[in-house]
Amino acid sequence: MSEKKLNTTFDEKGETISPQLPDDIKNYLIDIDGTITEDVPNEEPERMVTCEPFPDALEILNKWYDEGHIITFFTSRTEDTRKVTEDWLTKHGFKSVSYTHLTLPTSDLV
């Protein structure tokens, strides 16, 4: 996928404001657990290796990626599962392996 060119945008005063993607490009932020695969809790990291993508998740997300849309996965999985998560996305053929962790307090911290 080539780098997306952002459109320069202006407010009503003609001042530059935050750039925008072209109208035909969307920026999708996709959760992993419970969205593209079963809901795997951090307390059971061994399941992160063996879970399978939901039917159609791979096909739909790769189609959007091929159409030029930006696909970013996010997860509340812990940082120590980053490699297993990246490997899982690659193993199952997701074309975009761009993802970020969303750090949330776990039940033992609340």
PDB file of N, CA and C in Angstrom:
ATOM      1  N   MET A   1       0.841  -1.167   0.000  1.00  0.00           N
ATOM      2  CA  MET A   1       0.000   0.000   0.000  1.00  0.00           C
ATOM      3  C   MET A   1       0.892   1.238   0.000  1.00  0.00           C
ATOM      4  N   SER A   2       0.587   2.190  -0.833  1.00  0.00           N
ATOM      5  CA  SER A   2       1.367   3.421  -0.872  1.00  0.00           C
ATOM      6  C   SER A   2       0.914   4.349   0.252  1.00  0.00           C
ATOM      7  N   GLU A   3       1.789   5.297   0.564  1.00  0.00           N
ATOM      8  CA  GLU A   3       1.487   6.265   1.605  1.00  0.00           C
ATOM      9  C   GLU A   3       0.333   7.155   1.147  1.00  0.00           C
ATOM     10  N   LYS A   4      -0.609   7.428   2.030  1.00  0.00           N
ATOM     11  CA  LYS A   4      -1.777   8.248   1.695  1.00  0.00           C
ATOM     12  C   LYS A   4      -1.413   9.734   1.762  1.00  0.00           C
ATOM     13  N   LYS A   5      -1.843  10.467   0.771  1.00  0.00           N
ATOM     14  CA  LYS A   5      -1.611  11.907   0.758  1.00  0.00           C
ATOM     15  C   LYS A   5      -2.763  12.585   1.476  1.00  0.00           C
ATOM     16  N   LEU A   6      -2.434  13.373   2.470  1.00  0.00           N
ATOM     17  CA  LEU A   6      -3.446  14.119   3.205  1.00  0.00           C
ATOM     18  C   LEU A   6      -3.794  15.398   2.456  1.00  0.00           C
ATOM     19  N   ASN A   7      -5.059  15.752   2.509  1.00  0.00           N
ATOM     20  CA  ASN A   7      -5.530  16.987   1.895  1.00  0.00           C
ATOM     21  C   ASN A   7      -5.353  18.133   2.886  1.00  0.00           C
ATOM     22  N   THR A   8      -4.755  19.229   2.429  1.00  0.00           N
ATOM     23  CA  THR A   8      -4.666  20.416   3.259  1.00  0.00           C
ATOM     24  C   THR A   8      -6.059  21.021   3.333  1.00  0.00           C
ATOM     25  N   THR A   9      -6.465  21.400   4.537  1.00  0.00           N
ATOM     26  CA  THR A   9      -7.815  21.958   4.722  1.00  0.00           C
ATOM     27  C   THR A   9      -7.714  23.301   5.442  1.00  0.00           C
ATOM     28  N   PHE A  10      -8.740  24.109   5.232  1.00  0.00           N
ATOM     29  CA  PHE A  10      -8.768  25.459   5.786  1.00  0.00           C
ATOM     30  C   PHE A  10     -10.113  25.718   6.448  1.00  0.00           C
ATOM     31  N   ASP A  11     -10.093  26.566   7.464  1.00  0.00           N
ATOM     32  CA  ASP A  11     -11.353  26.968   8.093  1.00  0.00           C
ATOM     33  C   ASP A  11     -11.953  28.149   7.333  1.00  0.00           C
ATOM     34  N   GLU A  12     -13.053  28.661   7.854  1.00  0.00           N
ATOM     35  CA  GLU A  12     -13.751  29.753   7.163  1.00  0.00           C
ATOM     36  C   GLU A  12     -12.933  31.040   7.085  1.00  0.00           C
ATOM     37  N   LYS A  13     -11.907  31.178   7.911  1.00  0.00           N
ATOM     38  CA  LYS A  13     -11.025  32.342   7.876  1.00  0.00           C
ATOM     39  C   LYS A  13      -9.843  32.129   6.939  1.00  0.00           C
ATOM     40  N   GLY A  14      -9.767  30.935   6.341  1.00  0.00           N
ATOM     41  CA  GLY A  14      -8.661  30.624   5.453  1.00  0.00           C
ATOM     42  C   GLY A  14      -7.423  30.115   6.166  1.00  0.00           C
ATOM     43  N   GLU A  15      -7.563  29.845   7.464  1.00  0.00           N
ATOM     44  CA  GLU A  15      -6.428  29.341   8.229  1.00  0.00           C
ATOM     45  C   GLU A  15      -6.354  27.820   8.106  1.00  0.00           C
ATOM     46  N   THR A  16      -5.139  27.322   8.065  1.00  0.00           N
ATOM     47  CA  THR A  16      -4.922  25.877   7.951  1.00  0.00           C
ATOM     48  C   THR A  16      -5.443  25.176   9.198  1.00  0.00           C
ATOM     49  N   ILE A  17      -6.160  24.071   8.983  1.00  0.00           N
ATOM     50  CA  ILE A  17      -6.617  23.227  10.086  1.00  0.00           C
ATOM     51  C   ILE A  17      -6.082  21.813   9.855  1.00  0.00           C
ATOM     52  N   SER A  18      -6.420  20.898  10.722  1.00  0.00           N
ATOM     53  CA  SER A  18      -5.896  19.531  10.616  1.00  0.00           C
ATOM     54  C   SER A  18      -6.152  18.961   9.231  1.00  0.00           C
ATOM     55  N   PRO A  19      -5.138  18.314   8.651  1.00  0.00           N
ATOM     56  CA  PRO A  19      -5.315  17.727   7.318  1.00  0.00           C
ATOM     57  C   PRO A  19      -6.310  16.570   7.350  1.00  0.00           C
ATOM     58  N   GLN A  20      -6.860  16.253   6.199  1.00  0.00           N
ATOM     59  CA  GLN A  20      -7.844  15.182   6.091  1.00  0.00           C
ATOM     60  C   GLN A  20      -7.427  14.211   5.001  1.00  0.00           C
ATOM     61  N   LEU A  21      -7.860  12.965   5.177  1.00  0.00           N
ATOM     62  CA  LEU A  21      -7.664  11.972   4.129  1.00  0.00           C
ATOM     63  C   LEU A  21      -8.526  12.327   2.932  1.00  0.00           C
ATOM     64  N   PRO A  22      -8.160  11.862   1.754  1.00  0.00           N
ATOM     65  CA  PRO A  22      -9.044  12.053   0.596  1.00  0.00           C
ATOM     66  C   PRO A  22     -10.420  11.449   0.890  1.00  0.00           C
ATOM     67  N   ASP A  23     -11.448  11.971   0.247  1.00  0.00           N
ATOM     68  CA  ASP A  23     -12.825  11.526   0.504  1.00  0.00           C
ATOM     69  C   ASP A  23     -13.028  10.036   0.285  1.00  0.00           C
ATOM     70  N   ASP A  24     -12.257   9.420  -0.606  1.00  0.00           N
ATOM     71  CA  ASP A  24     -12.464   8.000  -0.909  1.00  0.00           C
ATOM     72  C   ASP A  24     -11.639   7.064  -0.027  1.00  0.00           C
ATOM     73  N   ILE A  25     -10.931   7.618   0.960  1.00  0.00           N
ATOM     74  CA  ILE A  25     -10.107   6.803   1.853  1.00  0.00           C
ATOM     75  C   ILE A  25     -10.662   6.896   3.271  1.00  0.00           C
ATOM     76  N   LYS A  26     -10.824   5.739   3.897  1.00  0.00           N
ATOM     77  CA  LYS A  26     -11.288   5.686   5.283  1.00  0.00           C
ATOM     78  C   LYS A  26     -10.156   5.179   6.169  1.00  0.00           C
ATOM     79  N   ASN A  27     -10.198   5.560   7.417  1.00  0.00           N
ATOM     80  CA  ASN A  27      -9.219   5.143   8.408  1.00  0.00           C
ATOM     81  C   ASN A  27      -9.955   4.263   9.421  1.00  0.00           C
ATOM     82  N   TYR A  28      -9.776   2.943   9.324  1.00  0.00           N
ATOM     83  CA  TYR A  28     -10.471   2.000  10.194  1.00  0.00           C
ATOM     84  C   TYR A  28      -9.599   1.643  11.389  1.00  0.00           C
ATOM     85  N   LEU A  29     -10.177   1.710  12.574  1.00  0.00           N
ATOM     86  CA  LEU A  29      -9.537   1.281  13.810  1.00  0.00           C
ATOM     87  C   LEU A  29     -10.313   0.062  14.289  1.00  0.00           C
ATOM     88  N   ILE A  30      -9.666  -1.112  14.244  1.00  0.00           N
ATOM     89  CA  ILE A  30     -10.338  -2.391  14.456  1.00  0.00           C
ATOM     90  C   ILE A  30      -9.822  -3.065  15.726  1.00  0.00           C
ATOM     91  N   ASP A  31     -10.723  -3.388  16.628  1.00  0.00           N
ATOM     92  CA  ASP A  31     -10.366  -4.153  17.822  1.00  0.00           C
ATOM     93  C   ASP A  31     -10.057  -5.590  17.408  1.00  0.00           C
ATOM     94  N   ILE A  32      -9.278  -6.285  18.187  1.00  0.00           N
ATOM     95  CA  ILE A  32      -8.916  -7.668  17.851  1.00  0.00           C
ATOM     96  C   ILE A  32      -9.844  -8.651  18.560  1.00  0.00           C
ATOM     97  N   ASP A  33      -9.737  -8.735  19.883  1.00  0.00           N
ATOM     98  CA  ASP A  33     -10.502  -9.735  20.636  1.00  0.00           C
ATOM     99  C   ASP A  33     -11.980  -9.396  20.665  1.00  0.00           C
ATOM    100  N   GLY A  34     -12.776 -10.372  20.227  1.00  0.00           N
ATOM    101  CA  GLY A  34     -14.218 -10.197  20.182  1.00  0.00           C
ATOM    102  C   GLY A  34     -14.704  -9.516  18.920  1.00  0.00           C
ATOM    103  N   THR A  35     -13.774  -9.091  18.048  1.00  0.00           N
ATOM    104  CA  THR A  35     -14.155  -8.420  16.805  1.00  0.00           C
ATOM    105  C   THR A  35     -13.693  -9.210  15.590  1.00  0.00           C
ATOM    106  N   ILE A  36     -12.413  -9.558  15.534  1.00  0.00           N
ATOM    107  CA  ILE A  36     -11.926 -10.364  14.409  1.00  0.00           C
ATOM    108  C   ILE A  36     -11.617 -11.796  14.828  1.00  0.00           C
ATOM    109  N   THR A  37     -11.658 -12.052  16.124  1.00  0.00           N
ATOM    110  CA  THR A  37     -11.457 -13.402  16.667  1.00  0.00           C
ATOM    111  C   THR A  37     -12.200 -13.491  17.985  1.00  0.00           C
ATOM    112  N   GLU A  38     -12.200 -14.680  18.574  1.00  0.00           N
ATOM    113  CA  GLU A  38     -12.880 -14.848  19.860  1.00  0.00           C
ATOM    114  C   GLU A  38     -12.298 -13.904  20.901  1.00  0.00           C
ATOM    115  N   ASP A  39     -13.043 -13.648  21.952  1.00  0.00           N
ATOM    116  CA  ASP A  39     -12.604 -12.759  23.017  1.00  0.00           C
ATOM    117  C   ASP A  39     -11.646 -13.516  23.927  1.00  0.00           C
ATOM    118  N   VAL A  40     -10.361 -13.219  23.791  1.00  0.00           N
ATOM    119  CA  VAL A  40      -9.320 -13.907  24.555  1.00  0.00           C
ATOM    120  C   VAL A  40      -8.842 -12.988  25.678  1.00  0.00           C
ATOM    121  N   PRO A  41      -9.033 -13.384  26.932  1.00  0.00           N
ATOM    122  CA  PRO A  41      -8.583 -12.534  28.041  1.00  0.00           C
ATOM    123  C   PRO A  41      -7.060 -12.582  28.214  1.00  0.00           C
ATOM    124  N   ASN A  42      -6.503 -11.509  28.748  1.00  0.00           N
ATOM    125  CA  ASN A  42      -5.063 -11.453  29.001  1.00  0.00           C
ATOM    126  C   ASN A  42      -4.606 -12.553  29.951  1.00  0.00           C
ATOM    127  N   GLU A  43      -5.518 -13.025  30.779  1.00  0.00           N
ATOM    128  CA  GLU A  43      -5.176 -14.067  31.742  1.00  0.00           C
ATOM    129  C   GLU A  43      -4.988 -15.437  31.084  1.00  0.00           C
ATOM    130  N   GLU A  44      -5.323 -15.562  29.804  1.00  0.00           N
ATOM    131  CA  GLU A  44      -5.175 -16.821  29.070  1.00  0.00           C
ATOM    132  C   GLU A  44      -4.395 -16.599  27.772  1.00  0.00           C
ATOM    133  N   PRO A  45      -3.156 -16.101  27.873  1.00  0.00           N
ATOM    134  CA  PRO A  45      -2.398 -15.736  26.670  1.00  0.00           C
ATOM    135  C   PRO A  45      -2.121 -16.906  25.730  1.00  0.00           C
ATOM    136  N   GLU A  46      -2.128 -18.136  26.237  1.00  0.00           N
ATOM    137  CA  GLU A  46      -1.894 -19.293  25.368  1.00  0.00           C
ATOM    138  C   GLU A  46      -2.963 -19.408  24.281  1.00  0.00           C
ATOM    139  N   ARG A  47      -4.155 -18.896  24.526  1.00  0.00           N
ATOM    140  CA  ARG A  47      -5.236 -18.937  23.532  1.00  0.00           C
ATOM    141  C   ARG A  47      -4.996 -17.943  22.398  1.00  0.00           C
ATOM    142  N   MET A  48      -4.158 -16.948  22.619  1.00  0.00           N
ATOM    143  CA  MET A  48      -3.872 -15.957  21.582  1.00  0.00           C
ATOM    144  C   MET A  48      -3.178 -16.593  20.383  1.00  0.00           C
ATOM    145  N   VAL A  49      -2.483 -17.679  20.606  1.00  0.00           N
ATOM    146  CA  VAL A  49      -1.764 -18.369  19.537  1.00  0.00           C
ATOM    147  C   VAL A  49      -2.707 -19.262  18.727  1.00  0.00           C
ATOM    148  N   THR A  50      -3.686 -19.872  19.390  1.00  0.00           N
ATOM    149  CA  THR A  50      -4.505 -20.896  18.743  1.00  0.00           C
ATOM    150  C   THR A  50      -5.865 -20.405  18.255  1.00  0.00           C
ATOM    151  N   CYS A  51      -6.283 -19.209  18.632  1.00  0.00           N
ATOM    152  CA  CYS A  51      -7.600 -18.735  18.187  1.00  0.00           C
ATOM    153  C   CYS A  51      -7.591 -18.507  16.677  1.00  0.00           C
ATOM    154  N   GLU A  52      -8.749 -18.598  16.076  1.00  0.00           N
ATOM    155  CA  GLU A  52      -8.897 -18.436  14.625  1.00  0.00           C
ATOM    156  C   GLU A  52      -9.663 -17.152  14.326  1.00  0.00           C
ATOM    157  N   PRO A  53      -9.404 -16.535  13.184  1.00  0.00           N
ATOM    158  CA  PRO A  53     -10.186 -15.347  12.802  1.00  0.00           C
ATOM    159  C   PRO A  53     -11.645 -15.725  12.573  1.00  0.00           C
ATOM    160  N   PHE A  54     -12.541 -14.791  12.830  1.00  0.00           N
ATOM    161  CA  PHE A  54     -13.951 -15.009  12.518  1.00  0.00           C
ATOM    162  C   PHE A  54     -14.123 -15.102  11.005  1.00  0.00           C
ATOM    163  N   PRO A  55     -15.113 -15.892  10.564  1.00  0.00           N
ATOM    164  CA  PRO A  55     -15.388 -15.980   9.120  1.00  0.00           C
ATOM    165  C   PRO A  55     -15.599 -14.579   8.535  1.00  0.00           C
ATOM    166  N   ASP A  56     -15.036 -14.348   7.416  1.00  0.00           N
ATOM    167  CA  ASP A  56     -15.134 -13.098   6.651  1.00  0.00           C
ATOM    168  C   ASP A  56     -14.275 -11.954   7.167  1.00  0.00           C
ATOM    169  N   ALA A  57     -13.761 -12.027   8.403  1.00  0.00           N
ATOM    170  CA  ALA A  57     -12.958 -10.911   8.929  1.00  0.00           C
ATOM    171  C   ALA A  57     -11.734 -10.664   8.064  1.00  0.00           C
ATOM    172  N   LEU A  58     -10.998 -11.719   7.758  1.00  0.00           N
ATOM    173  CA  LEU A  58      -9.787 -11.586   6.946  1.00  0.00           C
ATOM    174  C   LEU A  58     -10.128 -11.052   5.557  1.00  0.00           C
ATOM    175  N   GLU A  59     -11.127 -11.632   4.928  1.00  0.00           N
ATOM    176  CA  GLU A  59     -11.511 -11.229   3.573  1.00  0.00           C
ATOM    177  C   GLU A  59     -11.938  -9.765   3.513  1.00  0.00           C
ATOM    178  N   ILE A  60     -12.778  -9.348   4.429  1.00  0.00           N
ATOM    179  CA  ILE A  60     -13.290  -7.975   4.420  1.00  0.00           C
ATOM    180  C   ILE A  60     -12.178  -6.967   4.703  1.00  0.00           C
ATOM    181  N   LEU A  61     -11.378  -7.231   5.734  1.00  0.00           N
ATOM    182  CA  LEU A  61     -10.323  -6.271   6.082  1.00  0.00           C
ATOM    183  C   LEU A  61      -9.252  -6.192   5.009  1.00  0.00           C
ATOM    184  N   ASN A  62      -8.897  -7.319   4.394  1.00  0.00           N
ATOM    185  CA  ASN A  62      -7.917  -7.274   3.303  1.00  0.00           C
ATOM    186  C   ASN A  62      -8.489  -6.580   2.073  1.00  0.00           C
ATOM    187  N   LYS A  63      -9.781  -6.729   1.839  1.00  0.00           N
ATOM    188  CA  LYS A  63     -10.433  -6.022   0.723  1.00  0.00           C
ATOM    189  C   LYS A  63     -10.349  -4.509   0.951  1.00  0.00           C
ATOM    190  N   TRP A  64     -10.677  -4.075   2.144  1.00  0.00           N
ATOM    191  CA  TRP A  64     -10.588  -2.643   2.451  1.00  0.00           C
ATOM    192  C   TRP A  64      -9.144  -2.152   2.290  1.00  0.00           C
ATOM    193  N   TYR A  65      -8.195  -2.938   2.759  1.00  0.00           N
ATOM    194  CA  TYR A  65      -6.775  -2.578   2.639  1.00  0.00           C
ATOM    195  C   TYR A  65      -6.395  -2.447   1.160  1.00  0.00           C
ATOM    196  N   ASP A  66      -6.809  -3.421   0.337  1.00  0.00           N
ATOM    197  CA  ASP A  66      -6.509  -3.383  -1.095  1.00  0.00           C
ATOM    198  C   ASP A  66      -7.164  -2.187  -1.790  1.00  0.00           C
ATOM    199  N   GLU A  67      -8.285  -1.727  -1.262  1.00  0.00           N
ATOM    200  CA  GLU A  67      -8.965  -0.556  -1.822  1.00  0.00           C
ATOM    201  C   GLU A  67      -8.277   0.744  -1.412  1.00  0.00           C
ATOM    202  N   GLY A  68      -7.236   0.646  -0.579  1.00  0.00           N
ATOM    203  CA  GLY A  68      -6.469   1.821  -0.190  1.00  0.00           C
ATOM    204  C   GLY A  68      -6.816   2.393   1.166  1.00  0.00           C
ATOM    205  N   HIS A  69      -7.749   1.757   1.872  1.00  0.00           N
ATOM    206  CA  HIS A  69      -8.116   2.252   3.198  1.00  0.00           C
ATOM    207  C   HIS A  69      -7.013   1.912   4.209  1.00  0.00           C
ATOM    208  N   ILE A  70      -6.979   2.658   5.285  1.00  0.00           N
ATOM    209  CA  ILE A  70      -5.997   2.448   6.341  1.00  0.00           C
ATOM    210  C   ILE A  70      -6.628   1.550   7.404  1.00  0.00           C
ATOM    211  N   ILE A  71      -5.959   0.449   7.717  1.00  0.00           N
ATOM    212  CA  ILE A  71      -6.447  -0.495   8.721  1.00  0.00           C
ATOM    213  C   ILE A  71      -5.442  -0.495   9.862  1.00  0.00           C
ATOM    214  N   THR A  72      -5.896  -0.139  11.045  1.00  0.00           N
ATOM    215  CA  THR A  72      -5.058  -0.199  12.235  1.00  0.00           C
ATOM    216  C   THR A  72      -5.791  -1.020  13.278  1.00  0.00           C
ATOM    217  N   PHE A  73      -5.125  -2.029  13.788  1.00  0.00           N
ATOM    218  CA  PHE A  73      -5.699  -2.848  14.848  1.00  0.00           C
ATOM    219  C   PHE A  73      -5.317  -2.247  16.189  1.00  0.00           C
ATOM    220  N   PHE A  74      -6.248  -2.325  17.139  1.00  0.00           N
ATOM    221  CA  PHE A  74      -5.893  -1.921  18.492  1.00  0.00           C
ATOM    222  C   PHE A  74      -6.363  -3.006  19.444  1.00  0.00           C
ATOM    223  N   THR A  75      -5.732  -3.040  20.591  1.00  0.00           N
ATOM    224  CA  THR A  75      -6.029  -4.103  21.534  1.00  0.00           C
ATOM    225  C   THR A  75      -5.722  -3.654  22.952  1.00  0.00           C
ATOM    226  N   SER A  76      -6.404  -4.253  23.897  1.00  0.00           N
ATOM    227  CA  SER A  76      -6.057  -4.037  25.301  1.00  0.00           C
ATOM    228  C   SER A  76      -5.229  -5.208  25.818  1.00  0.00           C
ATOM    229  N   ARG A  77      -4.743  -6.038  24.877  1.00  0.00           N
ATOM    230  CA  ARG A  77      -3.785  -7.076  25.274  1.00  0.00           C
ATOM    231  C   ARG A  77      -2.568  -6.385  25.881  1.00  0.00           C
ATOM    232  N   THR A  78      -1.898  -7.079  26.762  1.00  0.00           N
ATOM    233  CA  THR A  78      -0.748  -6.478  27.430  1.00  0.00           C
ATOM    234  C   THR A  78       0.449  -6.404  26.474  1.00  0.00           C
ATOM    235  N   GLU A  79       1.358  -5.490  26.784  1.00  0.00           N
ATOM    236  CA  GLU A  79       2.527  -5.260  25.924  1.00  0.00           C
ATOM    237  C   GLU A  79       3.359  -6.525  25.744  1.00  0.00           C
ATOM    238  N   ASP A  80       3.384  -7.395  26.743  1.00  0.00           N
ATOM    239  CA  ASP A  80       4.193  -8.608  26.610  1.00  0.00           C
ATOM    240  C   ASP A  80       3.606  -9.603  25.613  1.00  0.00           C
ATOM    241  N   THR A  81       2.417  -9.325  25.090  1.00  0.00           N
ATOM    242  CA  THR A  81       1.830 -10.193  24.056  1.00  0.00           C
ATOM    243  C   THR A  81       1.952  -9.581  22.656  1.00  0.00           C
ATOM    244  N   ARG A  82       2.705  -8.489  22.537  1.00  0.00           N
ATOM    245  CA  ARG A  82       2.842  -7.807  21.239  1.00  0.00           C
ATOM    246  C   ARG A  82       3.334  -8.751  20.149  1.00  0.00           C
ATOM    247  N   LYS A  83       4.409  -9.493  20.399  1.00  0.00           N
ATOM    248  CA  LYS A  83       4.974 -10.362  19.360  1.00  0.00           C
ATOM    249  C   LYS A  83       3.991 -11.457  18.968  1.00  0.00           C
ATOM    250  N   VAL A  84       3.349 -12.105  19.929  1.00  0.00           N
ATOM    251  CA  VAL A  84       2.398 -13.165  19.593  1.00  0.00           C
ATOM    252  C   VAL A  84       1.222 -12.588  18.795  1.00  0.00           C
ATOM    253  N   THR A  85       0.826 -11.366  19.097  1.00  0.00           N
ATOM    254  CA  THR A  85      -0.276 -10.728  18.368  1.00  0.00           C
ATOM    255  C   THR A  85       0.142 -10.385  16.940  1.00  0.00           C
ATOM    256  N   GLU A  86       1.322  -9.786  16.778  1.00  0.00           N
ATOM    257  CA  GLU A  86       1.823  -9.468  15.438  1.00  0.00           C
ATOM    258  C   GLU A  86       2.001 -10.743  14.616  1.00  0.00           C
ATOM    259  N   ASP A  87       2.559 -11.789  15.250  1.00  0.00           N
ATOM    260  CA  ASP A  87       2.741 -13.069  14.554  1.00  0.00           C
ATOM    261  C   ASP A  87       1.402 -13.668  14.146  1.00  0.00           C
ATOM    262  N   TRP A  88       0.392 -13.558  15.013  1.00  0.00           N
ATOM    263  CA  TRP A  88      -0.940 -14.097  14.720  1.00  0.00           C
ATOM    264  C   TRP A  88      -1.548 -13.386  13.510  1.00  0.00           C
ATOM    265  N   LEU A  89      -1.469 -12.056  13.486  1.00  0.00           N
ATOM    266  CA  LEU A  89      -2.006 -11.295  12.354  1.00  0.00           C
ATOM    267  C   LEU A  89      -1.316 -11.703  11.051  1.00  0.00           C
ATOM    268  N   THR A  90       0.007 -11.842  11.092  1.00  0.00           N
ATOM    269  CA  THR A  90       0.771 -12.246   9.905  1.00  0.00           C
ATOM    270  C   THR A  90       0.429 -13.677   9.504  1.00  0.00           C
ATOM    271  N   LYS A  91       0.410 -14.589  10.466  1.00  0.00           N
ATOM    272  CA  LYS A  91       0.118 -16.005  10.196  1.00  0.00           C
ATOM    273  C   LYS A  91      -1.215 -16.178   9.478  1.00  0.00           C
ATOM    274  N   HIS A  92      -2.205 -15.397   9.869  1.00  0.00           N
ATOM    275  CA  HIS A  92      -3.533 -15.546   9.284  1.00  0.00           C
ATOM    276  C   HIS A  92      -3.730 -14.709   8.026  1.00  0.00           C
ATOM    277  N   GLY A  93      -2.710 -13.968   7.618  1.00  0.00           N
ATOM    278  CA  GLY A  93      -2.757 -13.281   6.326  1.00  0.00           C
ATOM    279  C   GLY A  93      -3.363 -11.898   6.327  1.00  0.00           C
ATOM    280  N   PHE A  94      -3.460 -11.256   7.490  1.00  0.00           N
ATOM    281  CA  PHE A  94      -3.943  -9.879   7.499  1.00  0.00           C
ATOM    282  C   PHE A  94      -2.863  -9.007   6.867  1.00  0.00           C
ATOM    283  N   LYS A  95      -3.229  -8.249   5.845  1.00  0.00           N
ATOM    284  CA  LYS A  95      -2.246  -7.450   5.102  1.00  0.00           C
ATOM    285  C   LYS A  95      -1.728  -6.274   5.910  1.00  0.00           C
ATOM    286  N   SER A  96      -2.553  -5.745   6.762  1.00  0.00           N
ATOM    287  CA  SER A  96      -2.105  -4.668   7.639  1.00  0.00           C
ATOM    288  C   SER A  96      -1.792  -5.267   8.990  1.00  0.00           C
ATOM    289  N   VAL A  97      -0.570  -5.107   9.440  1.00  0.00           N
ATOM    290  CA  VAL A  97      -0.234  -5.549  10.787  1.00  0.00           C
ATOM    291  C   VAL A  97       0.107  -4.346  11.662  1.00  0.00           C
ATOM    292  N   SER A  98      -0.342  -3.177  11.223  1.00  0.00           N
ATOM    293  CA  SER A  98      -0.180  -1.976  12.023  1.00  0.00           C
ATOM    294  C   SER A  98      -1.148  -2.061  13.196  1.00  0.00           C
ATOM    295  N   TYR A  99      -0.610  -1.950  14.393  1.00  0.00           N
ATOM    296  CA  TYR A  99      -1.511  -1.982  15.529  1.00  0.00           C
ATOM    297  C   TYR A  99      -0.906  -1.323  16.735  1.00  0.00           C
ATOM    298  N   THR A 100      -1.780  -1.010  17.679  1.00  0.00           N
ATOM    299  CA  THR A 100      -1.360  -0.323  18.885  1.00  0.00           C
ATOM    300  C   THR A 100      -2.042  -0.946  20.086  1.00  0.00           C
ATOM    301  N   HIS A 101      -1.397  -0.805  21.225  1.00  0.00           N
ATOM    302  CA  HIS A 101      -1.984  -1.286  22.472  1.00  0.00           C
ATOM    303  C   HIS A 101      -2.747  -0.147  23.137  1.00  0.00           C
ATOM    304  N   LEU A 102      -3.880  -0.456  23.665  1.00  0.00           N
ATOM    305  CA  LEU A 102      -4.669   0.468  24.460  1.00  0.00           C
ATOM    306  C   LEU A 102      -4.477   0.021  25.896  1.00  0.00           C
ATOM    307  N   THR A 103      -3.753   0.789  26.685  1.00  0.00           N
ATOM    308  CA  THR A 103      -3.449   0.381  28.044  1.00  0.00           C
ATOM    309  C   THR A 103      -4.620   0.711  28.950  1.00  0.00           C
ATOM    310  N   LEU A 104      -5.220  -0.326  29.475  1.00  0.00           N
ATOM    311  CA  LEU A 104      -6.339  -0.182  30.396  1.00  0.00           C
ATOM    312  C   LEU A 104      -5.984  -0.855  31.714  1.00  0.00           C
ATOM    313  N   PRO A 105      -6.544  -0.382  32.812  1.00  0.00           N
ATOM    314  CA  PRO A 105      -6.297  -1.079  34.069  1.00  0.00           C
ATOM    315  C   PRO A 105      -6.943  -2.463  34.041  1.00  0.00           C
ATOM    316  N   THR A 106      -6.260  -3.432  34.609  1.00  0.00           N
ATOM    317  CA  THR A 106      -6.830  -4.772  34.694  1.00  0.00           C
ATOM    318  C   THR A 106      -7.601  -4.893  35.997  1.00  0.00           C
ATOM    319  N   SER A 107      -8.388  -5.943  36.114  1.00  0.00           N
ATOM    320  CA  SER A 107      -9.248  -6.114  37.277  1.00  0.00           C
ATOM    321  C   SER A 107      -8.451  -6.160  38.577  1.00  0.00           C
ATOM    322  N   ASP A 108      -7.212  -6.620  38.533  1.00  0.00           N
ATOM    323  CA  ASP A 108      -6.434  -6.677  39.766  1.00  0.00           C
ATOM    324  C   ASP A 108      -5.874  -5.308  40.155  1.00  0.00           C
ATOM    325  N   LEU A 109      -5.988  -4.326  39.289  1.00  0.00           N
ATOM    326  CA  LEU A 109      -5.523  -2.980  39.599  1.00  0.00           C
ATOM    327  C   LEU A 109      -6.654  -2.065  40.022  1.00  0.00           C
ATOM    328  N   VAL A 110      -7.867  -2.460  39.788  1.00  0.00           N
ATOM    329  CA  VAL A 110      -9.021  -1.602  40.074  1.00  0.00           C
ATOM    330  C   VAL A 110      -9.472  -1.770  41.496  1.00  0.00           C
TER     331      VAL A 110
END
